[in-house]
Every structure is written in structure tokens, then in C-alpha cells.
């Protein structure tokens, strides 16, 4: 079994506070670099659904 590594968001630039993701076959994990002990777990399908909702602007009224 190979080890999965955390990957920094490309939108974070050189800032040390960023979103990091770690992807497995059935699991996707998200964390903030400045609070790395708090990890959100979800499936790739559920995360893709969330990204689609965000990109479609369906959550803009909540901002």
C-alpha cells in the first residue's frame, strides 16, 4: 500500500495558510494547513457534487 500525501491548493500561492487535500480511492480528505488536526472526510462523488453546486453559483446568496 502506498502512502497518500497532502497536496496544497494551487490557489493558495505562497501563503502558509491554505487548503490541502488528500485523495484515496474511496475517500477524500480536506484540511487547513494552520489547523491540520481538523480533517474533513468525504467521498470523491460528494465533493464533486459540492464543487458543481459552488461553480453553478447556487450558494452565492449564502455568502
C-alpha atoms as a PDB file:
ATOM      1  CA  UNK A   1       0.000   0.000   0.000  1.00  0.00           C
ATOM      2  CA  UNK A   2       1.457   3.391  -0.945  1.00  0.00           C
ATOM      3  CA  UNK A   3       1.223   6.437   1.294  1.00  0.00           C
ATOM      4  CA  UNK A   4      -1.065   9.280   0.270  1.00  0.00           C
ATOM      5  CA  UNK A   5       0.367  12.779   0.595  1.00  0.00           C
ATOM      6  CA  UNK A   6      -1.320  16.101   1.337  1.00  0.00           C
ATOM      7  CA  UNK A   7      -1.480  18.396  -1.683  1.00  0.00           C
ATOM      8  CA  UNK A   8      -1.675  22.186  -1.347  1.00  0.00           C
ATOM      9  CA  UNK A   9      -4.334  24.113  -3.262  1.00  0.00           C
ATOM     10  CA  UNK A  10      -2.960  25.856  -6.355  1.00  0.00           C
ATOM     11  CA  UNK A  11      -4.983  28.953  -5.348  1.00  0.00           C
ATOM     12  CA  UNK A  12      -3.022  29.342  -2.110  1.00  0.00           C
ATOM     13  CA  UNK A  13       0.104  30.821  -3.695  1.00  0.00           C
ATOM     14  CA  UNK A  14       2.957  31.298  -1.255  1.00  0.00           C
ATOM     15  CA  UNK A  15       0.643  31.887   1.712  1.00  0.00           C
ATOM     16  CA  UNK A  16       1.267  29.419   4.530  1.00  0.00           C
ATOM     17  CA  UNK A  17      -2.474  29.266   5.336  1.00  0.00           C
ATOM     18  CA  UNK A  18      -4.022  27.101   2.665  1.00  0.00           C
ATOM     19  CA  UNK A  19      -6.436  24.295   1.935  1.00  0.00           C
ATOM     20  CA  UNK A  20      -4.844  20.877   1.497  1.00  0.00           C
ATOM     21  CA  UNK A  21      -6.380  17.745   0.013  1.00  0.00           C
ATOM     22  CA  UNK A  22      -5.501  14.064   0.173  1.00  0.00           C
ATOM     23  CA  UNK A  23      -7.272  11.721  -2.223  1.00  0.00           C
ATOM     24  CA  UNK A  24      -7.750   7.987  -1.967  1.00  0.00           C
ATOM     25  CA  UNK A  25      -9.877   5.574  -3.984  1.00  0.00           C
ATOM     26  CA  UNK A  26     -12.977   5.867  -1.784  1.00  0.00           C
ATOM     27  CA  UNK A  27     -12.052   8.792   0.454  1.00  0.00           C
ATOM     28  CA  UNK A  28     -11.175  12.444   0.032  1.00  0.00           C
ATOM     29  CA  UNK A  29      -9.808  14.433   2.972  1.00  0.00           C
ATOM     30  CA  UNK A  30      -9.573  18.213   3.380  1.00  0.00           C
ATOM     31  CA  UNK A  31      -7.796  20.302   5.988  1.00  0.00           C
ATOM     32  CA  UNK A  32      -6.456  23.812   6.537  1.00  0.00           C
ATOM     33  CA  UNK A  33      -2.689  23.995   6.912  1.00  0.00           C
ATOM     34  CA  UNK A  34      -2.941  26.211  10.004  1.00  0.00           C
ATOM     35  CA  UNK A  35      -5.234  23.689  11.784  1.00  0.00           C
ATOM     36  CA  UNK A  36      -4.023  20.365  10.426  1.00  0.00           C
ATOM     37  CA  UNK A  37      -5.571  18.288  13.224  1.00  0.00           C
ATOM     38  CA  UNK A  38      -9.093  19.043  11.918  1.00  0.00           C
ATOM     39  CA  UNK A  39      -9.765  16.886   8.858  1.00  0.00           C
ATOM     40  CA  UNK A  40     -12.981  16.674   6.849  1.00  0.00           C
ATOM     41  CA  UNK A  41     -13.699  13.269   5.285  1.00  0.00           C
ATOM     42  CA  UNK A  42     -15.975  12.774   2.282  1.00  0.00           C
ATOM     43  CA  UNK A  43     -16.296  10.736  -0.880  1.00  0.00           C
ATOM     44  CA  UNK A  44     -14.951  11.986  -4.209  1.00  0.00           C
ATOM     45  CA  UNK A  45     -18.513  11.897  -5.627  1.00  0.00           C
ATOM     46  CA  UNK A  46     -19.946  14.027  -2.813  1.00  0.00           C
ATOM     47  CA  UNK A  47     -17.099  16.532  -3.138  1.00  0.00           C
ATOM     48  CA  UNK A  48     -17.588  16.729  -6.913  1.00  0.00           C
ATOM     49  CA  UNK A  49     -21.266  17.485  -6.249  1.00  0.00           C
ATOM     50  CA  UNK A  50     -20.342  20.288  -3.855  1.00  0.00           C
ATOM     51  CA  UNK A  51     -17.891  21.787  -6.361  1.00  0.00           C
ATOM     52  CA  UNK A  52     -20.556  21.655  -9.081  1.00  0.00           C
ATOM     53  CA  UNK A  53     -23.015  23.461  -6.821  1.00  0.00           C
ATOM     54  CA  UNK A  54     -20.445  26.142  -5.991  1.00  0.00           C
ATOM     55  CA  UNK A  55     -19.434  26.630  -9.637  1.00  0.00           C
ATOM     56  CA  UNK A  56     -23.096  26.943 -10.657  1.00  0.00           C
ATOM     57  CA  UNK A  57     -23.471  29.817  -8.151  1.00  0.00           C
ATOM     58  CA  UNK A  58     -26.207  28.061  -6.189  1.00  0.00           C
ATOM     59  CA  UNK A  59     -24.631  29.066  -2.862  1.00  0.00           C
ATOM     60  CA  UNK A  60     -23.868  32.692  -3.723  1.00  0.00           C
ATOM     61  CA  UNK A  61     -26.849  34.008  -1.770  1.00  0.00           C
ATOM     62  CA  UNK A  62     -25.325  32.486   1.394  1.00  0.00           C
ATOM     63  CA  UNK A  63     -22.057  34.414   1.124  1.00  0.00           C
END
